[in-house]
Structure formats: structure tokens, C-alpha cells
């Protein structure tokens, strides 16, 4: 799989289009009910959640039981990428749902399922990884699955930036953006990072979170980052974590993974 990613990476278009669908479908955007139609909005929201739960469930079910931790995304990506160009187009995604799983969704259903993850050229491996996990979060995936994802060995193929030379502010923004994408509060983020349920975060916990957020730092750098918010030799408490996460300026260049 590593060789496949490397060999096909250069064939990927650099087009930054935001539509993960065909042009004809993209030209007819989903109708959003007006503010006065609360029942319609609630019904649409419930439908979206049910659709995403169904798709997420089928993606998980198609992964062999022998697949190791973190390899499920690899398996699904290879199944859907029929053109073998390191991209999954909207057509490939819908064909996989129909042919492999017997799920026949309308264009309106697919818009709800894809949400903001729509690009003409398709989703890259990393984008697909995020998309699948957003499906899980939006459909009610529990935080235990997210905790599993914070293992340093869970994303062996994920390309991370070297963050040892980045400022504390830049590193904290990586965490902010990651948990913001998953719609998590500071307290929920703390509980997810606290994989050992010790009511305190170590430098290693912060390092693991940053790794999944797309930036790799050494343990010494993680200790330096957290040193302002913990007692010597101690662990970061919830108040300390919130202080760290709210210590950055409100306006800063976004440090999201490209």
C-alpha cells in the first residue's frame, strides 16, 4: 500500500475544487429549508444522521476481521479506488455503495452524506481518512474509536509535518483545528487525549494528539510545550489543558494539514 501511494502521488491533480461530485449534480445545490420551517430542518438533520450512520456502518463491516488497528481505512480506500490513481471520486464512492453494498442513494442523499467533502478530482487518502471519521462522528460514533486513533502507530502512512521548530502557538492550533473538525469541546478533547483515564495528560498524550492532527514532535518538545501548564513531573489537569488551548491569539494563520 505504501508503494501504491508513492507511485500514484504524482498523478494527482492539484485542482482545489470544492465539489466532490459531477458538475451536473454540483449545479443543483441541496435546498436548505427556511428558518421558519423548523420541522423540516429537524427532519433533514435526522435523515442526514441516518444516512451517514448507514454508510459508516457498511464501511466498517466491509473491513476484514483480520485487519489490524488503523488498517481499515487502507482497505476501504483500495476497494473504492478502482482507477488506481490515489483518488476516490464521487462516482467511485457511489458505485462502491451500490455494487458492493446494495445501497441505492439518490443525488440528494449523496449530497447529505458527503457534506463538505466534495471535490471534482476526488478525495486523497488523507482526505478520505478524515471524511470517514467525520461520518462516524456525525452519526454518533463513540469517543472510544477516536481514542484508538490517537495511537502513534495508528497512522503509519499519514504524512506529518516536522513540528519541532514550530512555536507553541502553532502547535496548539493544530490541536484546536483537529478537535474543531470533530466538533469537540475542550473537556471532550481532554477526555479523548486521556487514553489511560488517569484524569491527567502527559507530554506523550499531547504528542500523540499532535501526531494524529498532522504534526510530529519529539517527546522533549512536547514536554516543553506542556511545561507551562503542569507542575514539575506532574500531569496536565483539565483546567491546565483549557488554559493551554485558550492561550493562543484569536486571529492567526490556520495551521491545518494541507
C-alpha atoms as a PDB file:
ATOM      1  CA  UNK A   1       0.000   0.000   0.000  1.00  0.00           C
ATOM      2  CA  UNK A   2       2.881   2.386   0.803  1.00  0.00           C
ATOM      3  CA  UNK A   3       4.361   1.789  -2.667  1.00  0.00           C
ATOM      4  CA  UNK A   4       0.958   2.333  -4.252  1.00  0.00           C
ATOM      5  CA  UNK A   5       0.561   5.698  -2.522  1.00  0.00           C
ATOM      6  CA  UNK A   6       4.071   6.793  -3.511  1.00  0.00           C
ATOM      7  CA  UNK A   7       3.756   5.652  -7.133  1.00  0.00           C
ATOM      8  CA  UNK A   8       0.422   7.347  -7.719  1.00  0.00           C
ATOM      9  CA  UNK A   9       1.002  10.541  -5.732  1.00  0.00           C
ATOM     10  CA  UNK A  10       2.448  12.383  -8.717  1.00  0.00           C
ATOM     11  CA  UNK A  11      -0.599  11.637 -10.836  1.00  0.00           C
ATOM     12  CA  UNK A  12      -2.956  13.528  -8.532  1.00  0.00           C
ATOM     13  CA  UNK A  13      -4.289  16.811  -9.844  1.00  0.00           C
ATOM     14  CA  UNK A  14      -3.598  19.935  -7.796  1.00  0.00           C
ATOM     15  CA  UNK A  15      -7.075  21.314  -8.550  1.00  0.00           C
ATOM     16  CA  UNK A  16      -8.520  22.826  -5.384  1.00  0.00           C
ATOM     17  CA  UNK A  17     -12.157  22.478  -6.405  1.00  0.00           C
ATOM     18  CA  UNK A  18     -14.599  22.114  -3.534  1.00  0.00           C
ATOM     19  CA  UNK A  19     -17.083  19.859  -5.338  1.00  0.00           C
ATOM     20  CA  UNK A  20     -16.792  16.106  -4.700  1.00  0.00           C
ATOM     21  CA  UNK A  21     -19.408  15.313  -7.339  1.00  0.00           C
ATOM     22  CA  UNK A  22     -20.088  15.649 -11.047  1.00  0.00           C
ATOM     23  CA  UNK A  23     -20.648  19.123 -12.467  1.00  0.00           C
ATOM     24  CA  UNK A  24     -24.299  18.499 -13.242  1.00  0.00           C
ATOM     25  CA  UNK A  25     -25.047  17.467  -9.675  1.00  0.00           C
ATOM     26  CA  UNK A  26     -22.972  20.335  -8.277  1.00  0.00           C
ATOM     27  CA  UNK A  27     -25.044  22.812 -10.288  1.00  0.00           C
ATOM     28  CA  UNK A  28     -28.163  21.924  -8.307  1.00  0.00           C
ATOM     29  CA  UNK A  29     -27.317  22.555  -4.644  1.00  0.00           C
ATOM     30  CA  UNK A  30     -29.275  20.951  -1.843  1.00  0.00           C
ATOM     31  CA  UNK A  31     -32.258  23.017  -0.765  1.00  0.00           C
ATOM     32  CA  UNK A  32     -31.994  24.128   2.839  1.00  0.00           C
ATOM     33  CA  UNK A  33     -35.356  24.791   4.498  1.00  0.00           C
ATOM     34  CA  UNK A  34     -36.008  28.368   5.622  1.00  0.00           C
ATOM     35  CA  UNK A  35     -35.709  29.353   9.270  1.00  0.00           C
ATOM     36  CA  UNK A  36     -39.466  29.199   9.655  1.00  0.00           C
ATOM     37  CA  UNK A  37     -39.643  25.520   8.828  1.00  0.00           C
ATOM     38  CA  UNK A  38     -38.209  24.017  11.995  1.00  0.00           C
ATOM     39  CA  UNK A  39     -39.809  20.619  11.485  1.00  0.00           C
ATOM     40  CA  UNK A  40     -38.303  20.336   8.010  1.00  0.00           C
ATOM     41  CA  UNK A  41     -34.867  21.239   9.325  1.00  0.00           C
ATOM     42  CA  UNK A  42     -35.109  18.661  12.099  1.00  0.00           C
ATOM     43  CA  UNK A  43     -36.337  16.009   9.659  1.00  0.00           C
ATOM     44  CA  UNK A  44     -33.486  16.793   7.260  1.00  0.00           C
ATOM     45  CA  UNK A  45     -30.960  16.652  10.098  1.00  0.00           C
ATOM     46  CA  UNK A  46     -32.320  13.299  11.273  1.00  0.00           C
ATOM     47  CA  UNK A  47     -32.236  11.940   7.723  1.00  0.00           C
ATOM     48  CA  UNK A  48     -28.634  13.098   7.279  1.00  0.00           C
ATOM     49  CA  UNK A  49     -27.607  11.373  10.515  1.00  0.00           C
ATOM     50  CA  UNK A  50     -29.338   8.123   9.498  1.00  0.00           C
ATOM     51  CA  UNK A  51     -27.719   8.163   6.053  1.00  0.00           C
ATOM     52  CA  UNK A  52     -24.248   8.781   7.457  1.00  0.00           C
ATOM     53  CA  UNK A  53     -24.734   6.081  10.090  1.00  0.00           C
ATOM     54  CA  UNK A  54     -25.731   3.579   7.381  1.00  0.00           C
ATOM     55  CA  UNK A  55     -22.738   4.407   5.182  1.00  0.00           C
ATOM     56  CA  UNK A  56     -20.304   4.404   8.093  1.00  0.00           C
ATOM     57  CA  UNK A  57     -21.647   1.052   9.294  1.00  0.00           C
ATOM     58  CA  UNK A  58     -21.175  -0.510   5.852  1.00  0.00           C
ATOM     59  CA  UNK A  59     -17.636   0.859   5.552  1.00  0.00           C
ATOM     60  CA  UNK A  60     -16.776  -0.712   8.886  1.00  0.00           C
ATOM     61  CA  UNK A  61     -18.464  -4.008   8.041  1.00  0.00           C
ATOM     62  CA  UNK A  62     -16.509  -4.392   4.800  1.00  0.00           C
ATOM     63  CA  UNK A  63     -13.190  -4.374   6.674  1.00  0.00           C
ATOM     64  CA  UNK A  64     -11.910  -7.951   7.285  1.00  0.00           C
ATOM     65  CA  UNK A  65     -11.773  -9.024  10.926  1.00  0.00           C
ATOM     66  CA  UNK A  66      -8.092  -9.815  10.416  1.00  0.00           C
ATOM     67  CA  UNK A  67      -7.276  -6.208   9.558  1.00  0.00           C
ATOM     68  CA  UNK A  68      -5.014  -4.611  12.124  1.00  0.00           C
ATOM     69  CA  UNK A  69      -5.667  -1.417  14.030  1.00  0.00           C
ATOM     70  CA  UNK A  70      -5.599   1.551  11.668  1.00  0.00           C
ATOM     71  CA  UNK A  71      -5.622  -0.572   8.512  1.00  0.00           C
ATOM     72  CA  UNK A  72      -9.375  -0.359   7.891  1.00  0.00           C
ATOM     73  CA  UNK A  73      -9.074   2.948   6.052  1.00  0.00           C
ATOM     74  CA  UNK A  74      -6.348   1.466   3.829  1.00  0.00           C
ATOM     75  CA  UNK A  75      -8.596  -1.473   2.919  1.00  0.00           C
ATOM     76  CA  UNK A  76     -11.625   0.693   2.139  1.00  0.00           C
ATOM     77  CA  UNK A  77      -9.582   3.182   0.131  1.00  0.00           C
ATOM     78  CA  UNK A  78      -8.120   0.452  -2.088  1.00  0.00           C
ATOM     79  CA  UNK A  79     -11.552  -1.096  -2.629  1.00  0.00           C
ATOM     80  CA  UNK A  80     -13.056   2.174  -3.814  1.00  0.00           C
ATOM     81  CA  UNK A  81     -10.104   3.483  -5.840  1.00  0.00           C
ATOM     82  CA  UNK A  82     -10.901   1.438  -8.946  1.00  0.00           C
ATOM     83  CA  UNK A  83      -8.941   3.789 -11.236  1.00  0.00           C
ATOM     84  CA  UNK A  84      -5.846   3.304  -9.052  1.00  0.00           C
ATOM     85  CA  UNK A  85      -4.967   6.994  -9.180  1.00  0.00           C
ATOM     86  CA  UNK A  86      -4.801   7.600  -5.435  1.00  0.00           C
ATOM     87  CA  UNK A  87      -8.134   9.440  -5.504  1.00  0.00           C
ATOM     88  CA  UNK A  88     -11.699   8.415  -4.779  1.00  0.00           C
ATOM     89  CA  UNK A  89     -14.188  10.257  -6.967  1.00  0.00           C
ATOM     90  CA  UNK A  90     -17.843  10.739  -6.158  1.00  0.00           C
ATOM     91  CA  UNK A  91     -18.700   8.226  -8.866  1.00  0.00           C
ATOM     92  CA  UNK A  92     -16.342   5.580  -7.430  1.00  0.00           C
ATOM     93  CA  UNK A  93     -17.736   6.156  -3.954  1.00  0.00           C
ATOM     94  CA  UNK A  94     -21.355   5.814  -5.088  1.00  0.00           C
ATOM     95  CA  UNK A  95     -20.584   2.753  -7.222  1.00  0.00           C
ATOM     96  CA  UNK A  96     -18.934   1.078  -4.219  1.00  0.00           C
ATOM     97  CA  UNK A  97     -22.022   1.768  -2.121  1.00  0.00           C
ATOM     98  CA  UNK A  98     -24.298   0.364  -4.818  1.00  0.00           C
ATOM     99  CA  UNK A  99     -22.332  -2.598  -6.191  1.00  0.00           C
ATOM    100  CA  UNK A 100     -20.568  -3.793  -3.043  1.00  0.00           C
ATOM    101  CA  UNK A 101     -23.272  -2.988  -0.510  1.00  0.00           C
ATOM    102  CA  UNK A 102     -26.569  -2.803  -2.406  1.00  0.00           C
ATOM    103  CA  UNK A 103     -27.217   0.771  -1.244  1.00  0.00           C
ATOM    104  CA  UNK A 104     -29.056   2.893  -3.802  1.00  0.00           C
ATOM    105  CA  UNK A 105     -28.944   6.551  -2.826  1.00  0.00           C
ATOM    106  CA  UNK A 106     -30.409   9.490  -4.732  1.00  0.00           C
ATOM    107  CA  UNK A 107     -28.298  12.509  -5.662  1.00  0.00           C
ATOM    108  CA  UNK A 108     -29.898  14.418  -2.780  1.00  0.00           C
ATOM    109  CA  UNK A 109     -28.949  11.595  -0.387  1.00  0.00           C
ATOM    110  CA  UNK A 110     -25.361  11.659  -1.616  1.00  0.00           C
ATOM    111  CA  UNK A 111     -25.159  15.404  -1.011  1.00  0.00           C
ATOM    112  CA  UNK A 112     -26.217  14.862   2.592  1.00  0.00           C
ATOM    113  CA  UNK A 113     -23.731  12.008   3.031  1.00  0.00           C
ATOM    114  CA  UNK A 114     -20.755  13.850   1.534  1.00  0.00           C
ATOM    115  CA  UNK A 115     -21.487  17.169   3.150  1.00  0.00           C
ATOM    116  CA  UNK A 116     -18.475  19.451   2.646  1.00  0.00           C
ATOM    117  CA  UNK A 117     -16.283  16.597   1.397  1.00  0.00           C
ATOM    118  CA  UNK A 118     -16.946  17.228  -2.303  1.00  0.00           C
ATOM    119  CA  UNK A 119     -14.218  17.607  -4.915  1.00  0.00           C
ATOM    120  CA  UNK A 120     -14.343  17.091  -8.687  1.00  0.00           C
ATOM    121  CA  UNK A 121     -10.983  15.326  -8.716  1.00  0.00           C
ATOM    122  CA  UNK A 122     -11.902  13.138  -5.734  1.00  0.00           C
ATOM    123  CA  UNK A 123     -10.580  12.636  -2.216  1.00  0.00           C
ATOM    124  CA  UNK A 124      -6.956  11.819  -1.463  1.00  0.00           C
ATOM    125  CA  UNK A 125      -6.086   9.114   1.055  1.00  0.00           C
ATOM    126  CA  UNK A 126      -5.777  11.607   3.895  1.00  0.00           C
ATOM    127  CA  UNK A 127      -8.976  13.416   2.935  1.00  0.00           C
ATOM    128  CA  UNK A 128     -10.822  10.105   2.737  1.00  0.00           C
ATOM    129  CA  UNK A 129      -9.469   9.216   6.171  1.00  0.00           C
ATOM    130  CA  UNK A 130     -10.918  12.425   7.613  1.00  0.00           C
ATOM    131  CA  UNK A 131     -14.164  12.000   5.678  1.00  0.00           C
ATOM    132  CA  UNK A 132     -14.816   8.513   7.066  1.00  0.00           C
ATOM    133  CA  UNK A 133     -14.138   9.619  10.609  1.00  0.00           C
ATOM    134  CA  UNK A 134     -16.385  12.651  10.186  1.00  0.00           C
ATOM    135  CA  UNK A 135     -19.092  10.212   9.063  1.00  0.00           C
ATOM    136  CA  UNK A 136     -18.582   8.328  12.311  1.00  0.00           C
ATOM    137  CA  UNK A 137     -18.696  11.464  14.450  1.00  0.00           C
ATOM    138  CA  UNK A 138     -21.758  12.888  12.691  1.00  0.00           C
ATOM    139  CA  UNK A 139     -23.603   9.585  13.007  1.00  0.00           C
ATOM    140  CA  UNK A 140     -22.825   9.150  16.713  1.00  0.00           C
ATOM    141  CA  UNK A 141     -19.519   7.283  16.778  1.00  0.00           C
ATOM    142  CA  UNK A 142     -18.387   6.993  20.379  1.00  0.00           C
ATOM    143  CA  UNK A 143     -15.176   8.566  21.602  1.00  0.00           C
ATOM    144  CA  UNK A 144     -13.543   5.181  22.225  1.00  0.00           C
ATOM    145  CA  UNK A 145     -12.895   4.896  18.499  1.00  0.00           C
ATOM    146  CA  UNK A 146     -11.296   8.327  18.468  1.00  0.00           C
ATOM    147  CA  UNK A 147      -9.089   7.323  21.413  1.00  0.00           C
ATOM    148  CA  UNK A 148      -7.870   4.339  19.383  1.00  0.00           C
ATOM    149  CA  UNK A 149      -6.936   6.702  16.567  1.00  0.00           C
ATOM    150  CA  UNK A 150      -4.571   8.594  18.870  1.00  0.00           C
ATOM    151  CA  UNK A 151      -2.066   5.744  18.926  1.00  0.00           C
ATOM    152  CA  UNK A 152       1.260   6.839  17.406  1.00  0.00           C
ATOM    153  CA  UNK A 153       1.262   3.621  15.395  1.00  0.00           C
ATOM    154  CA  UNK A 154      -2.288   4.072  14.158  1.00  0.00           C
ATOM    155  CA  UNK A 155      -1.407   6.153  11.102  1.00  0.00           C
ATOM    156  CA  UNK A 156       1.817   4.691   9.688  1.00  0.00           C
ATOM    157  CA  UNK A 157       1.070   6.147   6.236  1.00  0.00           C
ATOM    158  CA  UNK A 158      -0.021   9.587   7.337  1.00  0.00           C
ATOM    159  CA  UNK A 159       2.295  12.344   6.198  1.00  0.00           C
ATOM    160  CA  UNK A 160       3.096  14.591   9.162  1.00  0.00           C
ATOM    161  CA  UNK A 161       4.950  17.852   9.273  1.00  0.00           C
ATOM    162  CA  UNK A 162       8.031  18.059  11.481  1.00  0.00           C
ATOM    163  CA  UNK A 163       6.901  20.369  14.246  1.00  0.00           C
ATOM    164  CA  UNK A 164       9.938  20.605  16.489  1.00  0.00           C
ATOM    165  CA  UNK A 165      10.753  24.060  15.144  1.00  0.00           C
ATOM    166  CA  UNK A 166       7.167  25.317  15.326  1.00  0.00           C
ATOM    167  CA  UNK A 167       6.097  27.742  18.021  1.00  0.00           C
ATOM    168  CA  UNK A 168       3.826  26.762  20.894  1.00  0.00           C
ATOM    169  CA  UNK A 169       1.038  28.789  19.296  1.00  0.00           C
ATOM    170  CA  UNK A 170       1.336  26.906  16.012  1.00  0.00           C
ATOM    171  CA  UNK A 171       1.290  23.516  17.741  1.00  0.00           C
ATOM    172  CA  UNK A 172      -1.723  24.417  19.849  1.00  0.00           C
ATOM    173  CA  UNK A 173      -3.579  25.499  16.709  1.00  0.00           C
ATOM    174  CA  UNK A 174      -3.024  22.063  15.198  1.00  0.00           C
ATOM    175  CA  UNK A 175      -4.898  20.592  18.171  1.00  0.00           C
ATOM    176  CA  UNK A 176      -7.578  23.280  18.059  1.00  0.00           C
ATOM    177  CA  UNK A 177      -8.283  22.698  14.385  1.00  0.00           C
ATOM    178  CA  UNK A 178      -8.312  18.916  14.752  1.00  0.00           C
ATOM    179  CA  UNK A 179     -10.854  18.843  17.566  1.00  0.00           C
ATOM    180  CA  UNK A 180     -12.848  21.654  15.996  1.00  0.00           C
ATOM    181  CA  UNK A 181     -13.277  19.484  12.896  1.00  0.00           C
ATOM    182  CA  UNK A 182     -14.732  16.786  15.153  1.00  0.00           C
ATOM    183  CA  UNK A 183     -16.952  19.321  16.945  1.00  0.00           C
ATOM    184  CA  UNK A 184     -15.432  18.593  20.326  1.00  0.00           C
ATOM    185  CA  UNK A 185     -15.340  20.881  23.350  1.00  0.00           C
ATOM    186  CA  UNK A 186     -12.150  21.407  25.351  1.00  0.00           C
ATOM    187  CA  UNK A 187     -13.357  18.989  28.035  1.00  0.00           C
ATOM    188  CA  UNK A 188     -14.261  16.350  25.447  1.00  0.00           C
ATOM    189  CA  UNK A 189     -10.868  16.811  23.779  1.00  0.00           C
ATOM    190  CA  UNK A 190      -9.173  16.322  27.142  1.00  0.00           C
ATOM    191  CA  UNK A 191     -11.062  13.088  27.779  1.00  0.00           C
ATOM    192  CA  UNK A 192     -10.201  11.775  24.322  1.00  0.00           C
ATOM    193  CA  UNK A 193      -6.499  12.534  24.789  1.00  0.00           C
ATOM    194  CA  UNK A 194      -6.554  10.948  28.249  1.00  0.00           C
ATOM    195  CA  UNK A 195      -6.472   7.416  26.855  1.00  0.00           C
ATOM    196  CA  UNK A 196      -5.286   5.978  30.194  1.00  0.00           C
ATOM    197  CA  UNK A 197      -8.196   7.550  32.104  1.00  0.00           C
ATOM    198  CA  UNK A 198      -5.765   8.995  34.639  1.00  0.00           C
ATOM    199  CA  UNK A 199      -7.508  12.386  34.814  1.00  0.00           C
ATOM    200  CA  UNK A 200      -4.312  13.986  33.630  1.00  0.00           C
ATOM    201  CA  UNK A 201      -2.405  14.375  30.369  1.00  0.00           C
ATOM    202  CA  UNK A 202       1.261  13.546  29.958  1.00  0.00           C
ATOM    203  CA  UNK A 203       3.574  15.076  27.374  1.00  0.00           C
ATOM    204  CA  UNK A 204       3.257  11.779  25.487  1.00  0.00           C
ATOM    205  CA  UNK A 205      -0.548  12.191  25.347  1.00  0.00           C
ATOM    206  CA  UNK A 206      -0.157  15.645  23.802  1.00  0.00           C
ATOM    207  CA  UNK A 207       2.478  14.319  21.416  1.00  0.00           C
ATOM    208  CA  UNK A 208       0.111  11.532  20.288  1.00  0.00           C
ATOM    209  CA  UNK A 209      -2.690  14.016  19.707  1.00  0.00           C
ATOM    210  CA  UNK A 210      -0.461  16.264  17.626  1.00  0.00           C
ATOM    211  CA  UNK A 211       0.696  13.273  15.563  1.00  0.00           C
ATOM    212  CA  UNK A 212      -2.882  12.496  14.542  1.00  0.00           C
ATOM    213  CA  UNK A 213      -3.531  16.202  13.957  1.00  0.00           C
ATOM    214  CA  UNK A 214      -0.752  16.168  11.370  1.00  0.00           C
ATOM    215  CA  UNK A 215       2.419  17.361  13.086  1.00  0.00           C
ATOM    216  CA  UNK A 216       5.182  15.242  14.601  1.00  0.00           C
ATOM    217  CA  UNK A 217       7.275  16.450  17.530  1.00  0.00           C
ATOM    218  CA  UNK A 218       9.789  14.851  19.872  1.00  0.00           C
ATOM    219  CA  UNK A 219       8.901  13.953  23.440  1.00  0.00           C
ATOM    220  CA  UNK A 220      11.240  16.698  24.693  1.00  0.00           C
ATOM    221  CA  UNK A 221       9.403  19.262  22.549  1.00  0.00           C
ATOM    222  CA  UNK A 222       6.075  18.011  23.926  1.00  0.00           C
ATOM    223  CA  UNK A 223       7.393  18.394  27.467  1.00  0.00           C
ATOM    224  CA  UNK A 224       8.478  21.940  26.695  1.00  0.00           C
ATOM    225  CA  UNK A 225       5.051  22.741  25.238  1.00  0.00           C
ATOM    226  CA  UNK A 226       3.194  21.462  28.303  1.00  0.00           C
ATOM    227  CA  UNK A 227       5.652  22.685  30.947  1.00  0.00           C
ATOM    228  CA  UNK A 228       3.845  25.999  31.388  1.00  0.00           C
ATOM    229  CA  UNK A 229       0.619  24.285  32.335  1.00  0.00           C
ATOM    230  CA  UNK A 230       1.721  21.488  34.668  1.00  0.00           C
ATOM    231  CA  UNK A 231       3.709  21.176  37.840  1.00  0.00           C
ATOM    232  CA  UNK A 232       7.195  19.697  37.515  1.00  0.00           C
ATOM    233  CA  UNK A 233       6.887  15.969  36.933  1.00  0.00           C
ATOM    234  CA  UNK A 234       3.101  16.159  37.045  1.00  0.00           C
ATOM    235  CA  UNK A 235       0.306  15.707  34.550  1.00  0.00           C
ATOM    236  CA  UNK A 236      -1.860  18.346  32.921  1.00  0.00           C
ATOM    237  CA  UNK A 237      -5.279  18.687  34.536  1.00  0.00           C
ATOM    238  CA  UNK A 238      -8.444  19.771  32.735  1.00  0.00           C
ATOM    239  CA  UNK A 239      -8.057  23.409  33.873  1.00  0.00           C
ATOM    240  CA  UNK A 240      -4.432  23.346  32.692  1.00  0.00           C
ATOM    241  CA  UNK A 241      -5.437  21.905  29.334  1.00  0.00           C
ATOM    242  CA  UNK A 242      -8.129  24.554  28.855  1.00  0.00           C
ATOM    243  CA  UNK A 243      -5.589  27.266  29.766  1.00  0.00           C
ATOM    244  CA  UNK A 244      -3.209  25.897  27.142  1.00  0.00           C
ATOM    245  CA  UNK A 245      -5.860  25.655  24.433  1.00  0.00           C
ATOM    246  CA  UNK A 246      -7.132  29.190  25.108  1.00  0.00           C
ATOM    247  CA  UNK A 247      -3.683  30.763  25.362  1.00  0.00           C
ATOM    248  CA  UNK A 248      -3.340  31.368  21.616  1.00  0.00           C
ATOM    249  CA  UNK A 249      -4.360  34.575  19.800  1.00  0.00           C
ATOM    250  CA  UNK A 250      -7.863  34.583  18.366  1.00  0.00           C
ATOM    251  CA  UNK A 251      -6.563  35.547  14.930  1.00  0.00           C
ATOM    252  CA  UNK A 252      -3.735  33.515  13.427  1.00  0.00           C
ATOM    253  CA  UNK A 253      -2.939  31.845  10.130  1.00  0.00           C
ATOM    254  CA  UNK A 254      -4.646  28.471  10.142  1.00  0.00           C
ATOM    255  CA  UNK A 255      -2.264  25.539  10.644  1.00  0.00           C
ATOM    256  CA  UNK A 256      -4.453  22.831   9.107  1.00  0.00           C
ATOM    257  CA  UNK A 257      -2.888  19.874   7.324  1.00  0.00           C
ATOM    258  CA  UNK A 258      -2.635  20.554   3.591  1.00  0.00           C
END
